[in-house]
Amino acid sequence: MVLRVAQQTIYGSIIQRNNASLARLMETNLQSSTQKRINAPSDDPNGAAMVLQTRCDISQLAQYKSNIASATGWLQQSDSALTSVSTLITTIKGYAEQGATGSVTDENRGEIASAVRQYFQQLISQANTTYDGNALYAGQKVGSEAFSQSLSMNSNDTTFDAAVAANGGFTISGDAESTLLVQFTDTNTPPGFTYSSDGGATWKAGTYNAPPSGTSQELNLGGVTMQISDAALAATTVSADHADTDGTWMWIRPTAVYNGNTNDTVSVVNTALPATNVVGSAAGNFSANVAVRIDDNNAFTNGTTFGFSYSTDGGRSWVTGNTSGTVANPPGSVSLPVPGGNLTLTTGGDSLAVGNQFFIQPSTADITVAISPTDKVVVNGVGKDIFGGIYNNQAVTFEGSVDANLFETVGKLVGYLETNNQQGCQDALDQLTASQNHLLTVAASVGARENRVTAAGTMVDTLAENSDSSLSKVEDADLTALITRLAQQELAYQAVLKSSSTVMNLSLVSYI
């Protein structure tokens, strides 16, 4: 059977084959230009998916590297600041030793006091250290200074101190260039007092301003005022002789007030209010928010229990089948064990209903940075937990004692030096040792976190190298094979063009 091949068929076939040869050549040329085997998902669908995932991993590791650099900066700055503070404490301890020596004169203690005041201000400056414009020791309030200088009071009378603490403490307003020494002189209501601003060399009769309330008084100390309760003033004892240590004495001297936030407070929100008049409070160490859902109706009947569920992921999943403690009535309260501590519910007369929810919300002062796929590190600090000072109008305590409170200790030392109190200087010297030991413990924690960051950096670098290698194996072209194939396809295309031109010139018309 004879078939007739039309010229149009010949031309179409030739063009189709030319285009196919050219397409292969262009694809190889693109790979040669990019040196990538995969330039589009169609080149290798499975390989393209691996490339995208690996690039995502590389991008994530690059962010970890950036986080590590930032964390290193924060921690190194903190390490430097704490080292400087420890050095300052050592210097101040030397002055305290001089002040505690019996052979030092009043004038000498005054000179030492001037130097220690300057070091006190330098301590505040170090506690307000910043990194990249962010306060290191203000918790999450990084835009403001962690501490500000203020005035506080200490006394020589433990009975008076207890009465002050039990009746709302005290508030001091104003400023003074030197320590104010206050002594009570009679048993009137309120008691009379005198004060000195030159270390006891001269004394002035004190006066009271108009009472700020029916249960407190305001002492006028010549530019400084002190508000204190009547009950605390009633606990003072009297001495008419300024030369001895009898009676109640107050030293109003410098301190530092913490302005940042803390990890100490935990709030509870009742989402059923005002329908359910039940108050919640929480105690424990909560690392995240906890949602609690009531699963049984309960009227706070004495001796009963009820079921509840809790969630630590914002309500996405719930741990069910939990049972409350036994209701105590009165006062109509019950404890619910949850991760991190306990939620205590106290009724104001209403009952609990199925579906009522309570949210435990701990305050957060830590700034946490992810430094690897499996590790995070806290880069800041809570200043009051490091340097002490005053917070919420109270001296910060460490394990129930103010001995390790650096700002209060140095402030007291300034007061004792400026009032020529040898025994007070000795007491402050002992407390400075406790403050320095606490600071060194904090510095060790910072150093340990620096080591973690360094180790994480090494691990992330290794992961990044492995990811780059994996990406190259999947995505990169074999240059030797690519160049060989490119030469072959160039030669093939040239041959196709030459043969095509020869065939296309053949026609029966040429032989007629």
Protein backbone atom coordinates (compact mmCIF):
# COMPACT_ATOMS: atom_id res chain seq x y z
CA MET A 1 0.00 0.00 0.00
CA VAL A 2 1.42 3.34 -1.04
CA LEU A 3 0.85 6.36 1.15
CA ARG A 4 1.09 9.90 -0.03
CA VAL A 5 3.06 12.16 2.30
CA ALA A 6 2.03 15.75 1.90
CA GLN A 7 4.48 18.58 2.20
CA GLN A 8 2.40 20.04 5.07
CA THR A 9 2.80 16.82 7.04
CA ILE A 10 6.53 16.88 6.44
CA TYR A 11 6.84 20.50 7.56
CA GLY A 12 4.67 19.92 10.66
CA SER A 13 6.68 16.88 11.73
CA ILE A 14 9.96 18.72 11.24
CA ILE A 15 8.84 21.74 13.28
CA GLN A 16 7.52 19.48 16.07
CA ARG A 17 10.84 17.66 16.34
CA ASN A 18 12.81 20.90 16.16
CA ASN A 19 10.74 22.36 18.99
CA ALA A 20 11.17 19.23 21.12
CA SER A 21 14.93 19.27 20.62
CA LEU A 22 15.05 23.00 21.37
CA ALA A 23 12.94 22.56 24.53
CA ARG A 24 15.33 19.91 25.88
CA LEU A 25 18.27 22.18 25.08
CA MET A 26 16.62 25.18 26.81
CA GLU A 27 15.82 23.11 29.90
CA THR A 28 19.42 21.95 30.14
CA ASN A 29 20.61 25.51 29.52
CA LEU A 30 18.40 26.78 32.39
CA GLN A 31 19.84 24.16 34.73
CA SER A 32 23.31 25.19 33.60
CA SER A 33 22.50 28.83 34.31
CA THR A 34 21.00 28.21 37.79
CA GLN A 35 23.10 25.13 38.57
CA LYS A 36 19.88 23.71 40.02
CA ARG A 37 18.35 20.41 39.03
CA ILE A 38 14.90 21.52 40.19
CA ASN A 39 13.71 24.88 38.90
CA ALA A 40 9.98 24.15 38.92
CA PRO A 41 7.79 21.62 40.78
CA SER A 42 7.24 19.75 37.50
CA ASP A 43 10.97 19.00 37.30
CA ASP A 44 10.64 16.63 40.30
CA PRO A 45 7.45 16.87 42.39
CA ASN A 46 8.81 14.83 45.31
CA GLY A 47 12.14 16.61 45.21
CA ALA A 48 10.41 20.02 45.05
CA ALA A 49 8.46 19.20 48.23
CA MET A 50 11.69 18.22 49.99
CA VAL A 51 13.33 21.45 48.78
CA LEU A 52 10.51 23.60 50.18
CA GLN A 53 10.59 21.82 53.56
CA THR A 54 14.38 22.06 53.79
CA ARG A 55 14.32 25.76 52.91
CA CYS A 56 11.72 26.27 55.65
CA ASP A 57 14.03 24.48 58.11
CA ILE A 58 16.98 26.65 57.02
CA SER A 59 14.92 29.82 57.48
CA GLN A 60 13.91 28.68 60.98
CA LEU A 61 17.52 27.91 61.89
CA ALA A 62 18.54 31.36 60.65
CA GLN A 63 16.00 32.85 63.07
CA TYR A 64 17.44 30.74 65.89
CA LYS A 65 20.89 32.11 65.02
CA SER A 66 19.51 35.65 65.25
CA ASN A 67 17.86 34.81 68.58
CA ILE A 68 21.13 33.35 69.88
CA ALA A 69 23.01 36.51 68.95
CA SER A 70 20.40 38.62 70.76
CA ALA A 71 20.34 36.34 73.83
CA THR A 72 24.13 36.39 73.98
CA GLY A 73 24.09 40.19 73.99
CA TRP A 74 21.51 40.37 76.78
CA LEU A 75 23.29 37.83 78.97
CA GLN A 76 26.78 39.21 78.42
CA GLN A 77 25.55 42.69 79.33
CA SER A 78 23.90 41.28 82.44
CA ASP A 79 27.05 39.36 83.36
CA SER A 80 29.10 42.54 83.02
CA ALA A 81 26.65 44.55 85.15
CA LEU A 82 26.54 41.96 87.93
CA THR A 83 30.33 41.74 87.97
CA SER A 84 30.52 45.52 88.34
CA VAL A 85 27.98 45.45 91.17
CA SER A 86 29.94 42.75 93.00
CA THR A 87 33.07 44.88 92.68
CA LEU A 88 31.18 47.88 94.08
CA ILE A 89 29.95 45.79 97.03
CA THR A 90 33.52 44.78 97.81
CA THR A 91 34.52 48.45 97.83
CA ILE A 92 31.55 49.42 100.01
CA LYS A 93 32.38 46.59 102.44
CA GLY A 94 35.81 48.17 102.88
CA TYR A 95 34.18 51.47 103.85
CA ALA A 96 31.76 49.64 106.17
CA GLU A 97 34.73 48.03 107.93
CA GLN A 98 36.24 51.46 108.47
CA GLY A 99 32.93 52.78 109.80
CA ALA A 100 32.65 49.85 112.21
CA THR A 101 36.09 50.58 113.66
CA GLY A 102 36.03 52.33 117.03
CA SER A 103 39.06 54.48 116.25
CA VAL A 104 37.33 56.30 113.36
CA THR A 105 36.20 59.84 114.21
CA ASP A 106 32.84 61.46 113.47
CA GLU A 107 34.47 63.50 110.74
CA ASN A 108 35.99 60.37 109.18
CA ARG A 109 32.59 58.64 109.11
CA GLY A 110 31.11 61.71 107.44
CA GLU A 111 33.76 61.52 104.71
CA ILE A 112 33.13 57.80 104.27
CA ALA A 113 29.38 58.48 104.09
CA SER A 114 29.89 60.90 101.18
CA ALA A 115 31.78 58.22 99.24
CA VAL A 116 29.22 55.50 100.01
CA ARG A 117 26.37 57.78 98.84
CA GLN A 118 28.11 58.09 95.48
CA TYR A 119 28.56 54.32 95.29
CA PHE A 120 24.87 53.89 96.18
CA GLN A 121 23.88 56.00 93.17
CA GLN A 122 26.29 53.98 91.03
CA LEU A 123 24.59 50.78 92.21
CA ILE A 124 21.24 52.15 91.04
CA SER A 125 22.81 53.03 87.70
CA GLN A 126 24.10 49.47 87.29
CA ALA A 127 20.69 48.05 88.26
CA ASN A 128 19.20 50.23 85.48
CA THR A 129 21.57 48.78 82.86
CA THR A 130 20.06 48.49 79.39
CA TYR A 131 20.81 46.43 76.31
CA ASP A 132 19.80 47.82 72.93
CA GLY A 133 17.65 50.38 74.76
CA ASN A 134 15.85 47.74 76.87
CA ALA A 135 16.10 47.61 80.67
CA LEU A 136 17.73 44.34 81.76
CA TYR A 137 16.21 44.12 85.22
CA ALA A 138 12.69 45.63 84.92
CA GLY A 139 10.95 42.42 83.93
CA GLN A 140 8.88 43.02 80.81
CA LYS A 141 8.72 46.78 81.45
CA VAL A 142 11.79 47.19 79.29
CA GLY A 143 10.96 50.77 78.32
CA SER A 144 11.39 52.21 81.82
CA GLU A 145 14.12 52.20 84.45
CA ALA A 146 14.01 49.28 86.85
CA PHE A 147 14.79 51.38 89.96
CA SER A 148 14.42 54.94 91.13
CA GLN A 149 16.03 56.49 94.20
CA SER A 150 13.75 57.29 97.12
CA LEU A 151 13.69 57.43 100.92
CA SER A 152 12.88 54.72 103.42
CA MET A 153 13.02 54.22 107.18
CA ASN A 154 14.51 51.79 109.65
CA SER A 155 14.48 51.94 113.42
CA ASN A 156 16.21 50.50 116.46
CA ASP A 157 12.92 49.29 118.00
CA THR A 158 11.61 45.85 117.00
CA THR A 159 8.30 46.45 118.80
CA PHE A 160 7.78 49.66 116.84
CA ASP A 161 8.77 47.89 113.59
CA ALA A 162 6.19 45.17 114.22
CA ALA A 163 3.48 47.78 114.88
CA VAL A 164 4.38 49.61 111.66
CA ALA A 165 4.19 46.40 109.62
CA ALA A 166 0.88 45.39 111.21
CA ASN A 167 -0.77 48.76 110.52
CA GLY A 168 -0.14 49.48 106.85
CA GLY A 169 3.53 50.46 106.90
CA PHE A 170 4.52 54.04 106.13
CA THR A 171 4.83 56.47 103.22
CA ILE A 172 7.63 59.01 102.81
CA SER A 173 7.49 61.95 100.41
CA GLY A 174 10.13 64.52 99.54
CA ASP A 175 13.90 64.36 99.36
CA ALA A 176 16.82 64.95 101.69
CA GLU A 177 20.52 65.39 101.01
CA SER A 178 21.50 63.63 104.23
CA THR A 179 19.97 61.15 106.65
CA LEU A 180 17.21 62.41 108.93
CA LEU A 181 17.44 61.11 112.49
CA VAL A 182 14.14 61.16 114.41
CA GLN A 183 13.67 60.66 118.16
CA PHE A 184 10.40 60.68 120.12
CA THR A 185 10.31 62.89 123.21
CA ASP A 186 6.97 62.35 124.98
CA THR A 187 4.00 60.04 125.27
CA ASN A 188 1.35 62.43 123.98
CA THR A 189 -1.13 61.39 121.30
CA PRO A 190 0.43 61.76 118.83
CA PRO A 191 3.85 61.72 120.51
CA GLY A 192 6.19 64.70 120.26
CA PHE A 193 9.44 64.25 118.35
CA THR A 194 12.62 66.01 117.33
CA TYR A 195 14.75 65.45 114.22
CA SER A 196 18.25 66.14 113.03
CA SER A 197 19.58 66.51 109.49
CA ASP A 198 23.27 66.81 110.42
CA GLY A 199 23.91 63.47 112.10
CA GLY A 200 22.66 64.51 115.54
CA ALA A 201 24.80 67.64 115.93
CA THR A 202 21.72 69.88 116.09
CA TRP A 203 18.03 69.09 116.62
CA LYS A 204 14.76 70.68 115.57
CA ALA A 205 11.33 70.30 117.13
CA GLY A 206 9.09 68.25 114.85
CA THR A 207 5.52 69.13 113.93
CA TYR A 208 2.55 67.29 112.48
CA ASN A 209 0.66 68.34 109.37
CA ALA A 210 -3.11 68.02 109.18
CA PRO A 211 -3.95 64.32 109.68
CA PRO A 212 -4.42 62.59 106.29
CA SER A 213 -7.01 60.26 107.89
CA GLY A 214 -8.64 59.49 111.20
CA THR A 215 -6.17 56.71 111.94
CA SER A 216 -2.82 58.12 110.80
CA GLN A 217 -0.53 61.12 111.19
CA GLU A 218 1.87 63.00 108.91
CA LEU A 219 5.22 64.01 110.39
CA ASN A 220 6.74 67.22 108.99
CA LEU A 221 10.51 66.83 108.78
CA GLY A 222 11.41 70.03 106.92
CA GLY A 223 10.99 69.17 103.25
CA VAL A 224 10.23 65.52 103.96
CA THR A 225 6.91 64.19 105.20
CA MET A 226 6.18 60.76 106.64
CA GLN A 227 2.71 59.26 106.93
CA ILE A 228 2.31 56.57 109.57
CA SER A 229 -0.54 55.05 111.58
CA ASP A 230 -1.58 56.17 115.05
CA ALA A 231 -1.21 52.56 116.24
CA ALA A 232 2.44 52.50 115.16
CA LEU A 233 3.14 55.86 116.87
CA ALA A 234 1.53 54.53 120.04
CA ALA A 235 4.18 51.78 120.13
CA THR A 236 7.10 54.24 120.35
CA THR A 237 9.17 54.68 123.50
CA VAL A 238 10.65 57.95 124.74
CA SER A 239 14.13 59.24 125.52
CA ALA A 240 14.88 62.83 126.33
CA ASP A 241 18.64 62.44 126.01
CA HIS A 242 19.94 62.71 122.45
CA ALA A 243 23.29 61.30 123.49
CA ASP A 244 22.10 57.79 124.29
CA THR A 245 20.36 55.05 122.37
CA ASP A 246 17.30 54.65 124.60
CA GLY A 247 13.87 55.06 123.12
CA THR A 248 12.61 54.71 119.58
CA TRP A 249 14.89 56.16 116.89
CA MET A 250 14.18 56.35 113.16
CA TRP A 251 16.71 56.71 110.36
CA ILE A 252 15.21 58.18 107.19
CA ARG A 253 17.82 57.42 104.58
CA PRO A 254 18.14 56.55 100.86
CA THR A 255 16.79 53.43 99.21
CA ALA A 256 15.71 52.31 95.73
CA VAL A 257 12.15 51.54 94.61
CA TYR A 258 11.55 48.77 92.08
CA ASN A 259 9.38 49.94 89.16
CA GLY A 260 9.30 46.80 87.01
CA ASN A 261 6.88 43.88 87.04
CA THR A 262 7.28 40.49 88.71
CA ASN A 263 6.36 36.82 88.51
CA ASP A 264 4.75 36.92 91.96
CA THR A 265 1.08 37.68 91.41
CA VAL A 266 -1.66 35.38 90.12
CA SER A 267 -5.13 36.65 89.22
CA VAL A 268 -8.30 34.60 88.77
CA VAL A 269 -11.12 35.64 86.43
CA ASN A 270 -14.63 34.26 86.87
CA THR A 271 -16.33 34.26 83.44
CA ALA A 272 -19.72 33.53 85.00
CA LEU A 273 -19.88 36.83 86.88
CA PRO A 274 -22.15 38.51 87.77
CA ALA A 275 -24.46 35.51 87.42
CA THR A 276 -22.32 33.49 89.85
CA ASN A 277 -21.01 35.35 92.88
CA VAL A 278 -18.02 33.11 93.50
CA VAL A 279 -14.54 34.52 94.09
CA GLY A 280 -11.46 32.60 92.96
CA SER A 281 -7.89 32.82 94.24
CA ALA A 282 -4.85 30.80 93.22
CA ALA A 283 -1.63 29.79 94.95
CA GLY A 284 1.36 28.00 93.49
CA ASN A 285 3.94 28.32 90.75
CA PHE A 286 2.07 28.64 87.46
CA SER A 287 4.11 28.71 84.26
CA ALA A 288 1.11 29.46 82.02
CA ASN A 289 -2.59 30.28 82.09
CA VAL A 290 -4.93 27.55 83.32
CA ALA A 291 -8.63 27.39 82.45
CA VAL A 292 -10.92 25.52 84.90
CA ARG A 293 -14.43 24.33 83.95
CA ILE A 294 -17.04 23.16 86.46
CA ASP A 295 -18.59 19.81 85.43
CA ASP A 296 -21.16 19.34 88.26
CA ASN A 297 -23.68 21.63 89.94
CA ASN A 298 -22.63 22.46 93.49
CA ALA A 299 -24.26 24.56 96.17
CA PHE A 300 -21.15 24.64 98.43
CA THR A 301 -22.78 22.15 100.77
CA ASN A 302 -20.44 21.24 103.60
CA GLY A 303 -18.49 18.00 103.01
CA THR A 304 -19.37 17.64 99.31
CA THR A 305 -17.11 17.39 96.26
CA PHE A 306 -17.68 17.93 92.55
CA GLY A 307 -16.04 17.21 89.22
CA PHE A 308 -14.11 19.70 87.11
CA SER A 309 -11.87 19.85 84.04
CA TYR A 310 -8.88 22.03 83.25
CA SER A 311 -7.03 23.18 80.14
CA THR A 312 -3.50 24.53 79.77
CA ASP A 313 -3.74 25.35 76.05
CA GLY A 314 -6.45 27.98 76.02
CA GLY A 315 -9.36 25.57 75.91
CA ARG A 316 -8.31 23.59 72.84
CA SER A 317 -8.09 20.40 74.90
CA TRP A 318 -9.37 19.54 78.37
CA VAL A 319 -8.25 17.12 81.07
CA THR A 320 -11.48 15.70 82.48
CA GLY A 321 -12.41 13.45 85.41
CA ASN A 322 -10.87 15.61 88.17
CA THR A 323 -12.46 15.85 91.62
CA SER A 324 -12.40 18.90 93.89
CA GLY A 325 -11.42 18.90 97.53
CA THR A 326 -14.08 18.79 100.21
CA VAL A 327 -16.22 21.89 100.64
CA ALA A 328 -15.62 23.62 104.00
CA ASN A 329 -18.66 25.51 105.22
CA PRO A 330 -18.20 28.02 106.74
CA PRO A 331 -16.55 29.85 105.07
CA GLY A 332 -18.05 28.17 102.00
CA SER A 333 -14.84 27.43 100.13
CA VAL A 334 -13.26 24.56 98.24
CA SER A 335 -9.82 23.85 96.75
CA LEU A 336 -9.28 22.49 93.22
CA PRO A 337 -5.84 20.98 92.42
CA VAL A 338 -4.57 22.12 89.01
CA PRO A 339 -1.15 22.05 87.30
CA GLY A 340 1.17 24.37 89.20
CA GLY A 341 -0.91 24.81 92.35
CA ASN A 342 -4.46 25.14 93.64
CA LEU A 343 -7.54 27.18 92.76
CA THR A 344 -9.63 28.12 95.80
CA LEU A 345 -13.28 29.06 95.20
CA THR A 346 -15.22 30.94 97.89
CA THR A 347 -18.92 31.60 97.54
CA GLY A 348 -20.63 34.88 98.23
CA GLY A 349 -23.94 33.06 98.53
CA ASP A 350 -24.33 31.63 95.03
CA SER A 351 -23.82 28.11 93.70
CA LEU A 352 -21.64 26.67 90.98
CA ALA A 353 -23.30 25.47 87.78
CA VAL A 354 -22.10 23.13 85.06
CA GLY A 355 -20.09 25.11 82.53
CA ASN A 356 -18.89 27.87 84.88
CA GLN A 357 -15.28 28.68 84.06
CA PHE A 358 -12.42 30.30 85.94
CA PHE A 359 -9.14 31.46 84.39
CA ILE A 360 -5.88 31.46 86.38
CA GLN A 361 -3.59 34.14 84.94
CA PRO A 362 -0.06 34.38 86.40
CA SER A 363 1.87 37.59 85.92
CA THR A 364 4.84 37.25 83.61
CA ALA A 365 8.07 39.23 83.89
CA ASP A 366 10.44 36.86 82.07
CA ILE A 367 11.51 37.52 78.48
CA THR A 368 12.07 34.10 76.93
CA VAL A 369 13.96 33.58 73.68
CA ALA A 370 13.89 30.36 71.63
CA ILE A 371 17.50 29.38 70.92
CA SER A 372 16.92 25.97 69.30
CA PRO A 373 14.01 23.77 68.22
CA THR A 374 13.95 22.28 71.75
CA ASP A 375 15.30 24.99 74.07
CA LYS A 376 14.41 28.45 75.37
CA VAL A 377 16.30 30.78 77.69
CA VAL A 378 15.28 33.71 79.91
CA VAL A 379 17.45 36.72 79.02
CA ASN A 380 16.24 39.38 81.47
CA GLY A 381 15.83 39.61 85.24
CA VAL A 382 13.43 40.82 87.92
CA GLY A 383 15.40 43.55 89.68
CA LYS A 384 13.77 43.21 93.08
CA ASP A 385 14.72 39.53 93.16
CA ILE A 386 18.34 40.46 92.48
CA PHE A 387 19.03 43.80 94.21
CA GLY A 388 16.08 44.01 96.60
CA GLY A 389 14.99 47.57 97.37
CA ILE A 390 11.39 48.58 98.05
CA TYR A 391 8.39 47.06 96.25
CA ASN A 392 4.75 47.84 97.02
CA ASN A 393 5.91 50.05 99.92
CA GLN A 394 7.66 47.14 101.61
CA ALA A 395 11.29 46.10 101.84
CA VAL A 396 11.93 43.05 99.66
CA THR A 397 12.83 39.94 101.64
CA PHE A 398 14.88 36.91 100.64
CA GLU A 399 13.82 33.71 102.41
CA GLY A 400 12.03 35.82 105.01
CA SER A 401 14.98 38.14 105.75
CA VAL A 402 16.06 41.58 104.48
CA ASP A 403 19.75 40.77 105.04
CA ALA A 404 20.37 40.09 101.33
CA ASN A 405 18.47 43.23 100.25
CA LEU A 406 21.36 45.18 98.71
CA PHE A 407 19.71 48.58 98.32
CA GLU A 408 18.24 48.53 101.82
CA THR A 409 21.58 47.43 103.29
CA VAL A 410 23.61 50.13 101.56
CA GLY A 411 20.91 52.71 102.36
CA LYS A 412 21.10 51.76 106.03
CA LEU A 413 24.90 51.97 105.91
CA VAL A 414 24.66 55.51 104.55
CA GLY A 415 22.29 56.37 107.39
CA TYR A 416 24.54 54.86 110.05
CA LEU A 417 27.66 56.54 108.67
CA GLU A 418 25.97 59.94 108.50
CA THR A 419 24.74 59.60 112.11
CA ASN A 420 28.01 58.17 113.46
CA ASN A 421 26.52 54.81 114.49
CA GLN A 422 29.37 52.33 114.84
CA GLN A 423 27.20 49.29 115.69
CA GLY A 424 24.92 50.02 112.74
CA CYS A 425 27.94 49.99 110.42
CA GLN A 426 28.91 46.58 111.78
CA ASP A 427 25.39 45.23 111.19
CA ALA A 428 25.42 46.60 107.64
CA LEU A 429 28.80 44.96 107.02
CA ASP A 430 27.36 41.54 107.86
CA GLN A 431 24.35 42.17 105.62
CA LEU A 432 26.60 43.27 102.73
CA THR A 433 28.18 39.82 102.81
CA ALA A 434 24.73 38.22 102.50
CA SER A 435 23.84 40.61 99.65
CA GLN A 436 27.03 39.80 97.77
CA ASN A 437 26.53 36.05 98.18
CA HIS A 438 23.01 36.37 96.77
CA LEU A 439 24.30 38.45 93.87
CA LEU A 440 26.99 35.87 93.07
CA THR A 441 24.31 33.17 92.97
CA VAL A 442 22.37 35.25 90.43
CA ALA A 443 25.57 35.83 88.43
CA ALA A 444 26.20 32.08 88.36
CA SER A 445 22.71 31.57 86.94
CA VAL A 446 23.42 34.12 84.21
CA GLY A 447 26.71 32.37 83.41
CA ALA A 448 24.95 29.01 83.17
CA ARG A 449 22.45 30.49 80.72
CA GLU A 450 25.32 31.92 78.67
CA ASN A 451 26.79 28.42 78.43
CA ARG A 452 23.42 27.05 77.30
CA VAL A 453 23.21 29.69 74.59
CA THR A 454 26.75 28.90 73.42
CA ALA A 455 25.97 25.17 73.26
CA ALA A 456 22.73 25.88 71.41
CA GLY A 457 24.64 28.02 68.92
CA THR A 458 26.99 25.14 68.15
CA MET A 459 24.05 22.77 67.70
CA VAL A 460 22.15 25.20 65.44
CA ASP A 461 25.27 25.73 63.30
CA THR A 462 25.55 21.96 62.85
CA LEU A 463 21.87 21.64 61.97
CA ALA A 464 22.19 24.47 59.47
CA GLU A 465 25.19 22.81 57.79
CA ASN A 466 23.30 19.51 57.59
CA SER A 467 20.25 21.25 56.10
CA ASP A 468 22.40 23.06 53.51
CA SER A 469 24.01 19.74 52.57
CA SER A 470 20.62 18.01 52.28
CA LEU A 471 19.26 20.83 50.12
CA SER A 472 22.27 20.68 47.84
CA LYS A 473 21.91 16.92 47.35
CA VAL A 474 18.27 17.24 46.35
CA GLU A 475 18.29 20.52 44.42
CA ASP A 476 21.75 21.05 42.91
CA ALA A 477 22.69 19.74 39.49
CA ASP A 478 25.70 17.51 38.71
CA LEU A 479 27.79 20.05 36.80
CA THR A 480 29.95 17.47 35.00
CA ALA A 481 26.94 15.53 33.74
CA LEU A 482 25.11 18.78 32.98
CA ILE A 483 27.90 20.19 30.81
CA THR A 484 28.21 16.88 28.94
CA ARG A 485 24.47 16.73 28.33
CA LEU A 486 24.39 20.35 27.23
CA ALA A 487 27.10 19.72 24.61
CA GLN A 488 25.27 16.63 23.38
CA GLN A 489 21.96 18.45 23.08
CA GLU A 490 23.59 21.39 21.29
CA LEU A 491 25.10 19.00 18.76
CA ALA A 492 21.79 17.15 18.38
CA TYR A 493 19.88 20.37 17.83
CA GLN A 494 22.37 21.56 15.21
CA ALA A 495 22.07 18.19 13.46
CA VAL A 496 18.27 18.42 13.52
CA LEU A 497 18.39 21.91 12.07
CA LYS A 498 20.76 20.84 9.29
CA SER A 499 18.85 17.71 8.39
CA SER A 500 15.54 19.55 8.54
CA SER A 501 16.74 22.24 6.16
CA THR A 502 17.89 19.56 3.71
CA VAL A 503 14.58 17.69 3.84
CA MET A 504 12.52 20.84 3.55
CA ASN A 505 14.38 21.82 0.36
CA LEU A 506 13.38 18.53 -1.34
CA SER A 507 10.27 18.88 -3.50
CA LEU A 508 8.91 17.22 -6.69
CA VAL A 509 8.59 20.65 -8.16
CA SER A 510 12.34 20.89 -8.25
CA TYR A 511 12.44 17.96 -10.76
CA ILE A 512 9.67 19.04 -13.13
